[in-house]
């Protein structure tokens, strides 16, 4: 992971526990881990670029991306490869410099292509077999923070808390 410069995340099942509910006006809502958010913030403050690549359209996910100041946000396509390639084109990064974290079959091309393909324990079996690492923490319950701390602990933490 020494060359990782950008972390890209699926949302449902990675940043959430894969559950949604509807509020009183019929909007889907998700619950996000504050701890995961702090992990993303620490990485961003230390020079890492961050991306969400999600197949859904959702106001709450859009707002989470805004609050976390994500460098890249892509939504609404189950074919995630064009978003991934767009990120590479805009940043000049190559596959080995990107960590991707996903949990379902739509994520498989990116799990296989990225320099580090990460998943959660609840992922579908095919993803767990192809991933470089399966987190000990569950999606939406600290899995993203686990990866953020792993990246930071491998000599990448160039910030205030070092």
C-alpha atoms as a PDB file:
ATOM      1  CA  UNK A   1       0.000   0.000   0.000  1.00  0.00           C
ATOM      2  CA  UNK A   2       3.022   2.300  -0.032  1.00  0.00           C
ATOM      3  CA  UNK A   3       2.086   3.866  -3.361  1.00  0.00           C
ATOM      4  CA  UNK A   4      -1.615   4.540  -2.633  1.00  0.00           C
ATOM      5  CA  UNK A   5      -2.571   8.132  -3.399  1.00  0.00           C
ATOM      6  CA  UNK A   6      -6.342   7.846  -3.841  1.00  0.00           C
ATOM      7  CA  UNK A   7      -8.995   5.811  -2.039  1.00  0.00           C
ATOM      8  CA  UNK A   8     -12.304   5.164  -3.798  1.00  0.00           C
ATOM      9  CA  UNK A   9     -15.329   3.716  -2.046  1.00  0.00           C
ATOM     10  CA  UNK A  10     -18.621   2.169  -2.988  1.00  0.00           C
ATOM     11  CA  UNK A  11     -21.275   3.511  -0.607  1.00  0.00           C
ATOM     12  CA  UNK A  12     -24.030   0.967   0.108  1.00  0.00           C
ATOM     13  CA  UNK A  13     -22.566  -1.923   2.078  1.00  0.00           C
ATOM     14  CA  UNK A  14     -19.204  -0.208   2.602  1.00  0.00           C
ATOM     15  CA  UNK A  15     -19.976   3.193   4.125  1.00  0.00           C
ATOM     16  CA  UNK A  16     -23.376   1.910   5.263  1.00  0.00           C
ATOM     17  CA  UNK A  17     -24.624  -1.386   6.632  1.00  0.00           C
ATOM     18  CA  UNK A  18     -26.578  -1.912   3.391  1.00  0.00           C
ATOM     19  CA  UNK A  19     -29.902  -0.926   4.943  1.00  0.00           C
ATOM     20  CA  UNK A  20     -32.067   1.985   3.827  1.00  0.00           C
ATOM     21  CA  UNK A  21     -35.297   3.330   5.233  1.00  0.00           C
ATOM     22  CA  UNK A  22     -37.820   5.899   4.069  1.00  0.00           C
ATOM     23  CA  UNK A  23     -38.501   9.066   5.984  1.00  0.00           C
ATOM     24  CA  UNK A  24     -41.930  10.666   6.370  1.00  0.00           C
ATOM     25  CA  UNK A  25     -41.763  12.290   2.912  1.00  0.00           C
ATOM     26  CA  UNK A  26     -40.729   9.116   1.095  1.00  0.00           C
ATOM     27  CA  UNK A  27     -36.996   9.795   0.741  1.00  0.00           C
ATOM     28  CA  UNK A  28     -34.559   6.920   1.217  1.00  0.00           C
ATOM     29  CA  UNK A  29     -32.144   7.440   4.079  1.00  0.00           C
ATOM     30  CA  UNK A  30     -28.910   5.761   5.104  1.00  0.00           C
ATOM     31  CA  UNK A  31     -26.912   5.782   8.321  1.00  0.00           C
ATOM     32  CA  UNK A  32     -23.196   6.569   8.141  1.00  0.00           C
ATOM     33  CA  UNK A  33     -20.487   5.916  10.720  1.00  0.00           C
ATOM     34  CA  UNK A  34     -18.990   9.073  12.191  1.00  0.00           C
ATOM     35  CA  UNK A  35     -15.797   7.109  12.855  1.00  0.00           C
ATOM     36  CA  UNK A  36     -15.529   6.212   9.147  1.00  0.00           C
ATOM     37  CA  UNK A  37     -15.985   9.883   8.322  1.00  0.00           C
ATOM     38  CA  UNK A  38     -13.153  10.894  10.628  1.00  0.00           C
ATOM     39  CA  UNK A  39     -10.911   8.334   8.932  1.00  0.00           C
ATOM     40  CA  UNK A  40     -11.691   9.821   5.526  1.00  0.00           C
ATOM     41  CA  UNK A  41     -11.079  13.314   6.889  1.00  0.00           C
ATOM     42  CA  UNK A  42      -7.675  12.318   8.332  1.00  0.00           C
ATOM     43  CA  UNK A  43      -6.571  10.871   5.002  1.00  0.00           C
ATOM     44  CA  UNK A  44      -7.818  13.859   3.034  1.00  0.00           C
ATOM     45  CA  UNK A  45      -6.006  16.238   5.410  1.00  0.00           C
ATOM     46  CA  UNK A  46      -2.829  14.248   4.793  1.00  0.00           C
ATOM     47  CA  UNK A  47      -2.891  14.642   1.041  1.00  0.00           C
ATOM     48  CA  UNK A  48      -4.824  11.593  -0.085  1.00  0.00           C
ATOM     49  CA  UNK A  49      -7.519  12.049  -2.694  1.00  0.00           C
ATOM     50  CA  UNK A  50     -10.905  10.492  -1.997  1.00  0.00           C
ATOM     51  CA  UNK A  51     -13.805   9.310  -4.173  1.00  0.00           C
ATOM     52  CA  UNK A  52     -17.287   7.840  -3.839  1.00  0.00           C
ATOM     53  CA  UNK A  53     -18.475   5.685  -6.744  1.00  0.00           C
ATOM     54  CA  UNK A  54     -22.061   4.574  -6.123  1.00  0.00           C
ATOM     55  CA  UNK A  55     -24.731   2.995  -8.248  1.00  0.00           C
ATOM     56  CA  UNK A  56     -27.536   4.854  -6.501  1.00  0.00           C
ATOM     57  CA  UNK A  57     -28.889   8.409  -6.663  1.00  0.00           C
ATOM     58  CA  UNK A  58     -29.434   9.772  -3.183  1.00  0.00           C
ATOM     59  CA  UNK A  59     -29.564  13.161  -1.498  1.00  0.00           C
ATOM     60  CA  UNK A  60     -28.090  11.767   1.714  1.00  0.00           C
ATOM     61  CA  UNK A  61     -25.096  10.259  -0.098  1.00  0.00           C
ATOM     62  CA  UNK A  62     -24.579  13.513  -2.015  1.00  0.00           C
ATOM     63  CA  UNK A  63     -24.651  15.410   1.276  1.00  0.00           C
ATOM     64  CA  UNK A  64     -22.190  12.984   2.894  1.00  0.00           C
ATOM     65  CA  UNK A  65     -19.800  13.501  -0.027  1.00  0.00           C
ATOM     66  CA  UNK A  66     -20.128  17.278   0.346  1.00  0.00           C
ATOM     67  CA  UNK A  67     -19.544  17.236   4.112  1.00  0.00           C
ATOM     68  CA  UNK A  68     -16.491  14.988   3.747  1.00  0.00           C
ATOM     69  CA  UNK A  69     -15.173  17.176   0.888  1.00  0.00           C
ATOM     70  CA  UNK A  70     -14.657  14.216  -1.416  1.00  0.00           C
ATOM     71  CA  UNK A  71     -12.455  15.018  -4.407  1.00  0.00           C
ATOM     72  CA  UNK A  72     -14.640  12.913  -6.713  1.00  0.00           C
ATOM     73  CA  UNK A  73     -18.269  11.822  -6.543  1.00  0.00           C
ATOM     74  CA  UNK A  74     -19.964   9.579  -9.103  1.00  0.00           C
ATOM     75  CA  UNK A  75     -23.506   8.283  -8.768  1.00  0.00           C
ATOM     76  CA  UNK A  76     -26.186   6.463 -10.671  1.00  0.00           C
ATOM     77  CA  UNK A  77     -24.349   3.855 -12.695  1.00  0.00           C
ATOM     78  CA  UNK A  78     -23.867   0.202 -11.910  1.00  0.00           C
ATOM     79  CA  UNK A  79     -21.049   0.160 -14.472  1.00  0.00           C
ATOM     80  CA  UNK A  80     -18.416   1.823 -12.317  1.00  0.00           C
ATOM     81  CA  UNK A  81     -15.473   1.411 -14.666  1.00  0.00           C
ATOM     82  CA  UNK A  82     -16.093   4.694 -16.574  1.00  0.00           C
ATOM     83  CA  UNK A  83     -16.007   6.639 -13.284  1.00  0.00           C
ATOM     84  CA  UNK A  84     -12.789   4.879 -12.264  1.00  0.00           C
ATOM     85  CA  UNK A  85     -11.187   5.625 -15.640  1.00  0.00           C
ATOM     86  CA  UNK A  86     -12.340   9.259 -15.402  1.00  0.00           C
ATOM     87  CA  UNK A  87     -10.616   9.578 -12.026  1.00  0.00           C
ATOM     88  CA  UNK A  88      -7.409   8.154 -13.493  1.00  0.00           C
ATOM     89  CA  UNK A  89      -7.637  10.533 -16.438  1.00  0.00           C
ATOM     90  CA  UNK A  90      -8.207  13.593 -14.226  1.00  0.00           C
ATOM     91  CA  UNK A  91      -5.494  12.721 -11.700  1.00  0.00           C
ATOM     92  CA  UNK A  92      -2.864  11.064 -13.864  1.00  0.00           C
ATOM     93  CA  UNK A  93      -2.756   8.170 -11.390  1.00  0.00           C
ATOM     94  CA  UNK A  94      -2.267   4.573 -12.426  1.00  0.00           C
ATOM     95  CA  UNK A  95      -4.036   1.512 -11.025  1.00  0.00           C
ATOM     96  CA  UNK A  96      -1.297   0.760  -8.486  1.00  0.00           C
ATOM     97  CA  UNK A  97      -1.890   4.161  -6.833  1.00  0.00           C
ATOM     98  CA  UNK A  98      -5.606   3.557  -6.213  1.00  0.00           C
ATOM     99  CA  UNK A  99      -7.293   1.606  -3.429  1.00  0.00           C
ATOM    100  CA  UNK A 100     -10.890   0.588  -4.146  1.00  0.00           C
ATOM    101  CA  UNK A 101     -13.320  -0.718  -1.544  1.00  0.00           C
ATOM    102  CA  UNK A 102     -16.565  -2.403  -2.614  1.00  0.00           C
ATOM    103  CA  UNK A 103     -18.860  -5.255  -1.639  1.00  0.00           C
ATOM    104  CA  UNK A 104     -20.987  -6.432  -4.570  1.00  0.00           C
ATOM    105  CA  UNK A 105     -20.633  -7.784  -8.095  1.00  0.00           C
ATOM    106  CA  UNK A 106     -20.840  -4.291  -9.611  1.00  0.00           C
ATOM    107  CA  UNK A 107     -17.563  -3.578  -7.809  1.00  0.00           C
ATOM    108  CA  UNK A 108     -15.682  -6.583  -9.187  1.00  0.00           C
ATOM    109  CA  UNK A 109     -13.961  -4.807 -12.125  1.00  0.00           C
ATOM    110  CA  UNK A 110     -12.556  -2.170  -9.767  1.00  0.00           C
ATOM    111  CA  UNK A 111     -11.606  -4.680  -7.048  1.00  0.00           C
ATOM    112  CA  UNK A 112      -9.601  -6.543  -9.701  1.00  0.00           C
ATOM    113  CA  UNK A 113      -8.077  -3.481 -11.360  1.00  0.00           C
ATOM    114  CA  UNK A 114      -7.085  -1.235  -8.440  1.00  0.00           C
ATOM    115  CA  UNK A 115      -3.702  -1.520  -6.789  1.00  0.00           C
ATOM    116  CA  UNK A 116      -5.498  -2.644  -3.629  1.00  0.00           C
ATOM    117  CA  UNK A 117      -8.968  -4.207  -3.751  1.00  0.00           C
ATOM    118  CA  UNK A 118     -10.657  -4.199  -0.343  1.00  0.00           C
ATOM    119  CA  UNK A 119     -14.004  -5.559   0.839  1.00  0.00           C
ATOM    120  CA  UNK A 120     -16.091  -6.116   3.975  1.00  0.00           C
ATOM    121  CA  UNK A 121     -17.083  -9.383   5.696  1.00  0.00           C
ATOM    122  CA  UNK A 122     -20.670  -9.112   4.386  1.00  0.00           C
ATOM    123  CA  UNK A 123     -19.582  -8.893   0.734  1.00  0.00           C
ATOM    124  CA  UNK A 124     -20.768 -11.447  -1.774  1.00  0.00           C
ATOM    125  CA  UNK A 125     -18.492 -14.480  -1.915  1.00  0.00           C
ATOM    126  CA  UNK A 126     -17.007 -13.711  -5.333  1.00  0.00           C
ATOM    127  CA  UNK A 127     -15.822 -10.308  -4.123  1.00  0.00           C
ATOM    128  CA  UNK A 128     -14.284 -11.786  -0.973  1.00  0.00           C
ATOM    129  CA  UNK A 129     -12.391 -14.298  -3.111  1.00  0.00           C
ATOM    130  CA  UNK A 130     -11.002 -11.595  -5.427  1.00  0.00           C
ATOM    131  CA  UNK A 131     -10.220  -8.930  -2.818  1.00  0.00           C
ATOM    132  CA  UNK A 132      -6.706  -8.369  -1.542  1.00  0.00           C
ATOM    133  CA  UNK A 133      -8.062  -7.836   1.967  1.00  0.00           C
ATOM    134  CA  UNK A 134     -11.338  -8.376   3.848  1.00  0.00           C
ATOM    135  CA  UNK A 135     -11.811  -5.995   6.769  1.00  0.00           C
ATOM    136  CA  UNK A 136     -12.531  -7.265  10.254  1.00  0.00           C
ATOM    137  CA  UNK A 137     -15.080  -4.485  10.773  1.00  0.00           C
ATOM    138  CA  UNK A 138     -18.448  -4.514   9.015  1.00  0.00           C
ATOM    139  CA  UNK A 139     -19.649  -2.109   6.353  1.00  0.00           C
ATOM    140  CA  UNK A 140     -21.052   1.041   7.948  1.00  0.00           C
ATOM    141  CA  UNK A 141     -19.579   0.008  11.283  1.00  0.00           C
ATOM    142  CA  UNK A 142     -15.912   0.923  11.069  1.00  0.00           C
ATOM    143  CA  UNK A 143     -14.663  -0.918   7.955  1.00  0.00           C
ATOM    144  CA  UNK A 144     -13.648   2.302   6.211  1.00  0.00           C
ATOM    145  CA  UNK A 145     -11.930   3.592   9.355  1.00  0.00           C
ATOM    146  CA  UNK A 146     -10.018   0.297   9.594  1.00  0.00           C
ATOM    147  CA  UNK A 147      -8.639   0.832   6.089  1.00  0.00           C
ATOM    148  CA  UNK A 148      -7.903   4.516   6.712  1.00  0.00           C
ATOM    149  CA  UNK A 149      -5.891   3.625   9.810  1.00  0.00           C
ATOM    150  CA  UNK A 150      -4.110   0.863   7.915  1.00  0.00           C
ATOM    151  CA  UNK A 151      -3.058   3.330   5.205  1.00  0.00           C
ATOM    152  CA  UNK A 152      -1.975   5.889   7.801  1.00  0.00           C
ATOM    153  CA  UNK A 153       0.001   3.357   9.848  1.00  0.00           C
ATOM    154  CA  UNK A 154       2.110   2.308   6.882  1.00  0.00           C
ATOM    155  CA  UNK A 155       4.132   5.509   6.969  1.00  0.00           C
ATOM    156  CA  UNK A 156       1.672   7.706   5.136  1.00  0.00           C
ATOM    157  CA  UNK A 157       0.477   9.907   7.972  1.00  0.00           C
ATOM    158  CA  UNK A 158       2.061  13.273   7.250  1.00  0.00           C
ATOM    159  CA  UNK A 159      -0.237  15.341   9.432  1.00  0.00           C
ATOM    160  CA  UNK A 160      -0.842  16.841  12.805  1.00  0.00           C
ATOM    161  CA  UNK A 161      -1.439  13.632  14.769  1.00  0.00           C
ATOM    162  CA  UNK A 162       1.770  11.881  13.686  1.00  0.00           C
END
